[in-house]
Amino acid sequence: IVQMPPGIPVATVGINAAQNAAILAIQMLAKTDNSL
């Protein structure tokens, strides 16, 4: 997952780190959602 070619990035969290993936997604959404 982490070794993607240039131009095709995948933000990668740790092994089995689904909770961190959700937090990262929330952080992305919170950029345009003040209540979030």
All heavy atoms as atom14 arrays in JSON, in Angstrom:
{
  "sequence": "IVQMPPGIPVATVGINAAQNAAILAIQMLAKTDNSL",
  "atom14_mask": [
    [1, 1, 1, 1, 1, 1, 1, 1, 0, 0, 0, 0, 0, 0],
    [1, 1, 1, 1, 1, 1, 1, 0, 0, 0, 0, 0, 0, 0],
    [1, 1, 1, 1, 1, 1, 1, 1, 1, 0, 0, 0, 0, 0],
    [1, 1, 1, 1, 1, 1, 1, 1, 0, 0, 0, 0, 0, 0],
    [1, 1, 1, 1, 1, 1, 1, 0, 0, 0, 0, 0, 0, 0],
    [1, 1, 1, 1, 1, 1, 1, 0, 0, 0, 0, 0, 0, 0],
    [1, 1, 1, 1, 0, 0, 0, 0, 0, 0, 0, 0, 0, 0],
    [1, 1, 1, 1, 1, 1, 1, 1, 0, 0, 0, 0, 0, 0],
    [1, 1, 1, 1, 1, 1, 1, 0, 0, 0, 0, 0, 0, 0],
    [1, 1, 1, 1, 1, 1, 1, 0, 0, 0, 0, 0, 0, 0],
    [1, 1, 1, 1, 1, 0, 0, 0, 0, 0, 0, 0, 0, 0],
    [1, 1, 1, 1, 1, 1, 1, 0, 0, 0, 0, 0, 0, 0],
    [1, 1, 1, 1, 1, 1, 1, 0, 0, 0, 0, 0, 0, 0],
    [1, 1, 1, 1, 0, 0, 0, 0, 0, 0, 0, 0, 0, 0],
    [1, 1, 1, 1, 1, 1, 1, 1, 0, 0, 0, 0, 0, 0],
    [1, 1, 1, 1, 1, 1, 1, 1, 0, 0, 0, 0, 0, 0],
    [1, 1, 1, 1, 1, 0, 0, 0, 0, 0, 0, 0, 0, 0],
    [1, 1, 1, 1, 1, 0, 0, 0, 0, 0, 0, 0, 0, 0],
    [1, 1, 1, 1, 1, 1, 1, 1, 1, 0, 0, 0, 0, 0],
    [1, 1, 1, 1, 1, 1, 1, 1, 0, 0, 0, 0, 0, 0],
    [1, 1, 1, 1, 1, 0, 0, 0, 0, 0, 0, 0, 0, 0],
    [1, 1, 1, 1, 1, 0, 0, 0, 0, 0, 0, 0, 0, 0],
    [1, 1, 1, 1, 1, 1, 1, 1, 0, 0, 0, 0, 0, 0],
    [1, 1, 1, 1, 1, 1, 1, 1, 0, 0, 0, 0, 0, 0],
    [1, 1, 1, 1, 1, 0, 0, 0, 0, 0, 0, 0, 0, 0],
    [1, 1, 1, 1, 1, 1, 1, 1, 0, 0, 0, 0, 0, 0],
    [1, 1, 1, 1, 1, 1, 1, 1, 1, 0, 0, 0, 0, 0],
    [1, 1, 1, 1, 1, 1, 1, 1, 0, 0, 0, 0, 0, 0],
    [1, 1, 1, 1, 1, 1, 1, 1, 0, 0, 0, 0, 0, 0],
    [1, 1, 1, 1, 1, 0, 0, 0, 0, 0, 0, 0, 0, 0],
    [1, 1, 1, 1, 1, 1, 1, 1, 1, 0, 0, 0, 0, 0],
    [1, 1, 1, 1, 1, 1, 1, 0, 0, 0, 0, 0, 0, 0],
    [1, 1, 1, 1, 1, 1, 1, 1, 0, 0, 0, 0, 0, 0],
    [1, 1, 1, 1, 1, 1, 1, 1, 0, 0, 0, 0, 0, 0],
    [1, 1, 1, 1, 1, 1, 0, 0, 0, 0, 0, 0, 0, 0],
    [1, 1, 1, 1, 1, 1, 1, 1, 0, 0, 0, 0, 0, 0]
  ],
  "atom14_positions": [
    [[0.82, -1.21, 0.0], [0.0, 0.0, 0.0], [0.85, 1.26, 0.0], [0.56, 2.22, -0.7], [-0.97, -0.01, 1.21], [-1.98, -1.16, 1.07], [-1.71, 1.33, 1.31], [-2.84, -1.38, 2.29], [0.0, 0.0, 0.0], [0.0, 0.0, 0.0], [0.0, 0.0, 0.0], [0.0, 0.0, 0.0], [0.0, 0.0, 0.0], [0.0, 0.0, 0.0]],
    [[1.92, 1.26, 0.76], [2.71, 2.48, 0.92], [3.62, 2.75, -0.29], [3.94, 3.9, -0.57], [3.51, 2.44, 2.25], [4.76, 1.61, 2.14], [3.81, 3.82, 2.74], [0.0, 0.0, 0.0], [0.0, 0.0, 0.0], [0.0, 0.0, 0.0], [0.0, 0.0, 0.0], [0.0, 0.0, 0.0], [0.0, 0.0, 0.0], [0.0, 0.0, 0.0]],
    [[4.0, 1.74, -1.03], [4.93, 1.91, -2.16], [4.19, 2.15, -3.47], [4.24, 1.34, -4.38], [5.84, 0.67, -2.28], [6.78, 0.48, -1.13], [7.83, 1.58, -1.05], [8.07, 2.32, -1.99], [8.47, 1.68, 0.09], [0.0, 0.0, 0.0], [0.0, 0.0, 0.0], [0.0, 0.0, 0.0], [0.0, 0.0, 0.0], [0.0, 0.0, 0.0]],
    [[3.52, 3.28, -3.56], [2.77, 3.61, -4.77], [3.66, 4.42, -5.72], [4.56, 5.14, -5.28], [1.53, 4.42, -4.41], [0.5, 3.61, -3.62], [-0.08, 2.15, -4.5], [-0.8, 2.9, -5.94], [0.0, 0.0, 0.0], [0.0, 0.0, 0.0], [0.0, 0.0, 0.0], [0.0, 0.0, 0.0], [0.0, 0.0, 0.0], [0.0, 0.0, 0.0]],
    [[3.38, 4.3, -7.02], [4.18, 5.07, -7.99], [3.85, 6.56, -7.91], [2.79, 6.94, -7.42], [3.76, 4.48, -9.34], [2.41, 3.91, -9.1], [2.38, 3.46, -7.67], [0.0, 0.0, 0.0], [0.0, 0.0, 0.0], [0.0, 0.0, 0.0], [0.0, 0.0, 0.0], [0.0, 0.0, 0.0], [0.0, 0.0, 0.0], [0.0, 0.0, 0.0]],
    [[4.75, 7.41, -8.39], [4.5, 8.85, -8.38], [3.17, 9.19, -9.06], [2.83, 8.62, -10.1], [5.67, 9.42, -9.19], [6.75, 8.4, -9.06], [6.05, 7.08, -8.99], [0.0, 0.0, 0.0], [0.0, 0.0, 0.0], [0.0, 0.0, 0.0], [0.0, 0.0, 0.0], [0.0, 0.0, 0.0], [0.0, 0.0, 0.0], [0.0, 0.0, 0.0]],
    [[2.42, 10.07, -8.42], [1.14, 10.51, -8.98], [-0.06, 9.73, -8.48], [-1.19, 10.14, -8.73], [0.0, 0.0, 0.0], [0.0, 0.0, 0.0], [0.0, 0.0, 0.0], [0.0, 0.0, 0.0], [0.0, 0.0, 0.0], [0.0, 0.0, 0.0], [0.0, 0.0, 0.0], [0.0, 0.0, 0.0], [0.0, 0.0, 0.0], [0.0, 0.0, 0.0]],
    [[0.16, 8.62, -7.79], [-0.95, 7.81, -7.28], [-0.74, 7.6, -5.77], [-0.42, 6.5, -5.32], [-1.04, 6.43, -7.99], [-0.95, 6.56, -9.5], [-2.33, 5.7, -7.58], [-2.11, 7.3, -10.15], [0.0, 0.0, 0.0], [0.0, 0.0, 0.0], [0.0, 0.0, 0.0], [0.0, 0.0, 0.0], [0.0, 0.0, 0.0], [0.0, 0.0, 0.0]],
    [[-0.89, 8.67, -4.97], [-0.65, 8.51, -3.54], [-1.78, 7.79, -2.83], [-2.95, 7.91, -3.21], [-0.54, 9.95, -3.05], [-1.43, 10.71, -3.97], [-1.26, 10.04, -5.32], [0.0, 0.0, 0.0], [0.0, 0.0, 0.0], [0.0, 0.0, 0.0], [0.0, 0.0, 0.0], [0.0, 0.0, 0.0], [0.0, 0.0, 0.0], [0.0, 0.0, 0.0]],
    [[-1.42, 7.03, -1.81], [-2.38, 6.45, -0.87], [-1.85, 6.79, 0.52], [-0.75, 6.37, 0.89], [-2.51, 4.92, -1.04], [-3.4, 4.33, 0.05], [-3.05, 4.57, -2.42], [0.0, 0.0, 0.0], [0.0, 0.0, 0.0], [0.0, 0.0, 0.0], [0.0, 0.0, 0.0], [0.0, 0.0, 0.0], [0.0, 0.0, 0.0], [0.0, 0.0, 0.0]],
    [[-2.61, 7.58, 1.27], [-2.24, 7.84, 2.66], [-2.35, 6.5, 3.38], [-3.36, 5.81, 3.26], [-3.17, 8.86, 3.27], [0.0, 0.0, 0.0], [0.0, 0.0, 0.0], [0.0, 0.0, 0.0], [0.0, 0.0, 0.0], [0.0, 0.0, 0.0], [0.0, 0.0, 0.0], [0.0, 0.0, 0.0], [0.0, 0.0, 0.0], [0.0, 0.0, 0.0]],
    [[-1.32, 6.11, 4.08], [-1.29, 4.77, 4.67], [-1.1, 4.85, 6.17], [-0.22, 5.56, 6.64], [-0.17, 3.92, 4.04], [-0.28, 4.01, 2.61], [-0.25, 2.48, 4.48], [0.0, 0.0, 0.0], [0.0, 0.0, 0.0], [0.0, 0.0, 0.0], [0.0, 0.0, 0.0], [0.0, 0.0, 0.0], [0.0, 0.0, 0.0], [0.0, 0.0, 0.0]],
    [[-1.96, 4.14, 6.9], [-1.84, 4.07, 8.35], [-1.17, 2.74, 8.71], [-0.85, 1.94, 7.83], [-3.21, 4.21, 9.04], [-3.8, 5.6, 8.76], [-4.18, 3.13, 8.59], [0.0, 0.0, 0.0], [0.0, 0.0, 0.0], [0.0, 0.0, 0.0], [0.0, 0.0, 0.0], [0.0, 0.0, 0.0], [0.0, 0.0, 0.0], [0.0, 0.0, 0.0]],
    [[-0.96, 2.51, 9.98], [-0.3, 1.3, 10.42], [-1.13, 0.06, 10.17], [-2.32, 0.11, 9.85], [0.0, 0.0, 0.0], [0.0, 0.0, 0.0], [0.0, 0.0, 0.0], [0.0, 0.0, 0.0], [0.0, 0.0, 0.0], [0.0, 0.0, 0.0], [0.0, 0.0, 0.0], [0.0, 0.0, 0.0], [0.0, 0.0, 0.0], [0.0, 0.0, 0.0]],
    [[-0.5, -1.07, 10.35], [-1.15, -2.37, 10.16], [-2.32, -2.5, 11.14], [-2.16, -2.28, 12.34], [-0.13, -3.51, 10.36], [0.97, -3.41, 9.31], [-0.82, -4.89, 10.32], [2.2, -4.23, 9.6], [0.0, 0.0, 0.0], [0.0, 0.0, 0.0], [0.0, 0.0, 0.0], [0.0, 0.0, 0.0], [0.0, 0.0, 0.0], [0.0, 0.0, 0.0]],
    [[-3.49, -2.8, 10.6], [-4.75, -2.95, 11.35], [-5.19, -1.65, 12.04], [-6.01, -1.69, 12.94], [-4.66, -4.07, 12.38], [-4.68, -5.45, 11.76], [-4.82, -5.6, 10.54], [-4.53, -6.47, 12.57], [0.0, 0.0, 0.0], [0.0, 0.0, 0.0], [0.0, 0.0, 0.0], [0.0, 0.0, 0.0], [0.0, 0.0, 0.0], [0.0, 0.0, 0.0]],
    [[-4.68, -0.51, 11.62], [-4.96, 0.76, 12.29], [-6.18, 1.46, 11.7], [-6.13, 2.62, 11.3], [-3.74, 1.66, 12.25], [0.0, 0.0, 0.0], [0.0, 0.0, 0.0], [0.0, 0.0, 0.0], [0.0, 0.0, 0.0], [0.0, 0.0, 0.0], [0.0, 0.0, 0.0], [0.0, 0.0, 0.0], [0.0, 0.0, 0.0], [0.0, 0.0, 0.0]],
    [[-7.31, 0.77, 11.69], [-8.54, 1.32, 11.13], [-9.0, 2.56, 11.88], [-9.55, 3.49, 11.28], [-9.64, 0.26, 11.14], [0.0, 0.0, 0.0], [0.0, 0.0, 0.0], [0.0, 0.0, 0.0], [0.0, 0.0, 0.0], [0.0, 0.0, 0.0], [0.0, 0.0, 0.0], [0.0, 0.0, 0.0], [0.0, 0.0, 0.0], [0.0, 0.0, 0.0]],
    [[-8.79, 2.6, 13.19], [-9.2, 3.76, 13.97], [-8.43, 5.0, 13.51], [-9.01, 6.07, 13.34], [-8.97, 3.52, 15.46], [-9.46, 4.64, 16.33], [-9.37, 4.32, 17.8], [-9.05, 3.21, 18.2], [-9.66, 5.31, 18.62], [0.0, 0.0, 0.0], [0.0, 0.0, 0.0], [0.0, 0.0, 0.0], [0.0, 0.0, 0.0], [0.0, 0.0, 0.0]],
    [[-7.13, 4.87, 13.27], [-6.36, 6.0, 12.76], [-6.81, 6.42, 11.37], [-6.79, 7.6, 11.02], [-4.86, 5.69, 12.77], [-4.23, 5.99, 14.11], [-4.85, 6.57, 14.99], [-2.99, 5.59, 14.27], [0.0, 0.0, 0.0], [0.0, 0.0, 0.0], [0.0, 0.0, 0.0], [0.0, 0.0, 0.0], [0.0, 0.0, 0.0], [0.0, 0.0, 0.0]],
    [[-7.23, 5.46, 10.56], [-7.75, 5.8, 9.23], [-9.01, 6.65, 9.37], [-9.18, 7.64, 8.64], [-8.03, 4.53, 8.43], [0.0, 0.0, 0.0], [0.0, 0.0, 0.0], [0.0, 0.0, 0.0], [0.0, 0.0, 0.0], [0.0, 0.0, 0.0], [0.0, 0.0, 0.0], [0.0, 0.0, 0.0], [0.0, 0.0, 0.0], [0.0, 0.0, 0.0]],
    [[-9.87, 6.28, 10.3], [-11.09, 7.07, 10.53], [-10.75, 8.47, 11.04], [-11.33, 9.45, 10.58], [-12.01, 6.35, 11.51], [0.0, 0.0, 0.0], [0.0, 0.0, 0.0], [0.0, 0.0, 0.0], [0.0, 0.0, 0.0], [0.0, 0.0, 0.0], [0.0, 0.0, 0.0], [0.0, 0.0, 0.0], [0.0, 0.0, 0.0], [0.0, 0.0, 0.0]],
    [[-9.79, 8.56, 11.95], [-9.39, 9.87, 12.46], [-8.82, 10.73, 11.33], [-9.15, 11.92, 11.22], [-8.38, 9.74, 13.62], [-9.08, 9.13, 14.84], [-7.77, 11.1, 13.98], [-8.14, 8.68, 15.94], [0.0, 0.0, 0.0], [0.0, 0.0, 0.0], [0.0, 0.0, 0.0], [0.0, 0.0, 0.0], [0.0, 0.0, 0.0], [0.0, 0.0, 0.0]],
    [[-8.01, 10.15, 10.47], [-7.46, 10.9, 9.34], [-8.59, 11.36, 8.41], [-8.59, 12.52, 7.95], [-6.44, 10.04, 8.59], [-5.7, 10.7, 7.44], [-5.01, 11.99, 7.87], [-4.69, 9.72, 6.84], [0.0, 0.0, 0.0], [0.0, 0.0, 0.0], [0.0, 0.0, 0.0], [0.0, 0.0, 0.0], [0.0, 0.0, 0.0], [0.0, 0.0, 0.0]],
    [[-9.56, 10.51, 8.16], [-10.71, 10.91, 7.32], [-11.48, 12.04, 8.0], [-11.88, 13.01, 7.33], [-11.62, 9.7, 7.09], [0.0, 0.0, 0.0], [0.0, 0.0, 0.0], [0.0, 0.0, 0.0], [0.0, 0.0, 0.0], [0.0, 0.0, 0.0], [0.0, 0.0, 0.0], [0.0, 0.0, 0.0], [0.0, 0.0, 0.0], [0.0, 0.0, 0.0]],
    [[-11.67, 11.95, 9.3], [-12.37, 13.01, 10.04], [-11.6, 14.32, 9.95], [-12.18, 15.39, 9.75], [-12.61, 12.57, 11.5], [-13.6, 11.4, 11.55], [-13.1, 13.74, 12.35], [-13.64, 10.67, 12.88], [0.0, 0.0, 0.0], [0.0, 0.0, 0.0], [0.0, 0.0, 0.0], [0.0, 0.0, 0.0], [0.0, 0.0, 0.0], [0.0, 0.0, 0.0]],
    [[-10.28, 14.25, 10.08], [-9.46, 15.46, 9.97], [-9.62, 16.09, 8.59], [-9.68, 17.33, 8.46], [-7.99, 15.14, 10.25], [-7.73, 14.83, 11.7], [-6.29, 14.42, 12.0], [-5.95, 14.33, 13.15], [-5.46, 14.16, 11.02], [0.0, 0.0, 0.0], [0.0, 0.0, 0.0], [0.0, 0.0, 0.0], [0.0, 0.0, 0.0], [0.0, 0.0, 0.0]],
    [[-9.68, 15.27, 7.56], [-9.86, 15.79, 6.2], [-11.22, 16.48, 6.06], [-11.32, 17.58, 5.51], [-9.74, 14.66, 5.17], [-8.35, 14.12, 5.02], [-8.37, 12.65, 3.94], [-6.62, 12.27, 3.89], [0.0, 0.0, 0.0], [0.0, 0.0, 0.0], [0.0, 0.0, 0.0], [0.0, 0.0, 0.0], [0.0, 0.0, 0.0], [0.0, 0.0, 0.0]],
    [[-12.26, 15.84, 6.58], [-13.6, 16.41, 6.5], [-13.73, 17.66, 7.35], [-14.47, 18.59, 7.0], [-14.64, 15.38, 6.93], [-14.78, 14.14, 6.05], [-15.67, 13.1, 6.72], [-15.3, 14.5, 4.67], [0.0, 0.0, 0.0], [0.0, 0.0, 0.0], [0.0, 0.0, 0.0], [0.0, 0.0, 0.0], [0.0, 0.0, 0.0], [0.0, 0.0, 0.0]],
    [[-13.02, 17.71, 8.47], [-13.11, 18.85, 9.39], [-12.51, 20.12, 8.81], [-12.79, 21.22, 9.31], [-12.43, 18.5, 10.72], [0.0, 0.0, 0.0], [0.0, 0.0, 0.0], [0.0, 0.0, 0.0], [0.0, 0.0, 0.0], [0.0, 0.0, 0.0], [0.0, 0.0, 0.0], [0.0, 0.0, 0.0], [0.0, 0.0, 0.0], [0.0, 0.0, 0.0]],
    [[-11.72, 20.02, 7.75], [-11.16, 21.21, 7.11], [-12.26, 22.14, 6.62], [-12.05, 23.35, 6.55], [-10.25, 20.81, 5.94], [-8.97, 20.1, 6.33], [-8.02, 20.97, 7.09], [-7.49, 22.07, 6.22], [-6.7, 23.08, 6.95], [0.0, 0.0, 0.0], [0.0, 0.0, 0.0], [0.0, 0.0, 0.0], [0.0, 0.0, 0.0], [0.0, 0.0, 0.0]],
    [[-13.42, 21.59, 6.27], [-14.52, 22.42, 5.75], [-15.78, 22.32, 6.6], [-16.84, 22.79, 6.17], [-14.85, 22.02, 4.3], [-15.19, 20.63, 4.27], [-13.67, 22.29, 3.38], [0.0, 0.0, 0.0], [0.0, 0.0, 0.0], [0.0, 0.0, 0.0], [0.0, 0.0, 0.0], [0.0, 0.0, 0.0], [0.0, 0.0, 0.0], [0.0, 0.0, 0.0]],
    [[-15.68, 21.72, 7.78], [-16.85, 21.53, 8.64], [-16.46, 21.91, 10.07], [-15.85, 21.12, 10.78], [-17.31, 20.07, 8.57], [-18.56, 19.79, 9.36], [-18.83, 20.49, 10.36], [-19.27, 18.83, 9.0], [0.0, 0.0, 0.0], [0.0, 0.0, 0.0], [0.0, 0.0, 0.0], [0.0, 0.0, 0.0], [0.0, 0.0, 0.0], [0.0, 0.0, 0.0]],
    [[-16.83, 23.13, 10.47], [-16.42, 23.65, 11.76], [-16.97, 22.84, 12.94], [-16.28, 22.63, 13.93], [-16.8, 25.13, 11.9], [-15.96, 25.81, 12.95], [-14.74, 25.65, 12.97], [-16.6, 26.54, 13.83], [0.0, 0.0, 0.0], [0.0, 0.0, 0.0], [0.0, 0.0, 0.0], [0.0, 0.0, 0.0], [0.0, 0.0, 0.0], [0.0, 0.0, 0.0]],
    [[-18.21, 22.36, 12.85], [-18.76, 21.58, 13.96], [-18.0, 20.26, 14.11], [-17.78, 19.79, 15.23], [-20.26, 21.32, 13.77], [-20.5, 20.51, 12.64], [0.0, 0.0, 0.0], [0.0, 0.0, 0.0], [0.0, 0.0, 0.0], [0.0, 0.0, 0.0], [0.0, 0.0, 0.0], [0.0, 0.0, 0.0], [0.0, 0.0, 0.0], [0.0, 0.0, 0.0]],
    [[-17.59, 19.7, 13.02], [-16.78, 18.48, 13.06], [-15.4, 18.77, 13.65], [-14.87, 17.98, 14.43], [-16.67, 17.88, 11.66], [-16.11, 16.48, 11.54], [-16.88, 15.49, 12.41], [-16.14, 16.03, 10.09], [0.0, 0.0, 0.0], [0.0, 0.0, 0.0], [0.0, 0.0, 0.0], [0.0, 0.0, 0.0], [0.0, 0.0, 0.0], [0.0, 0.0, 0.0]]
  ]
}
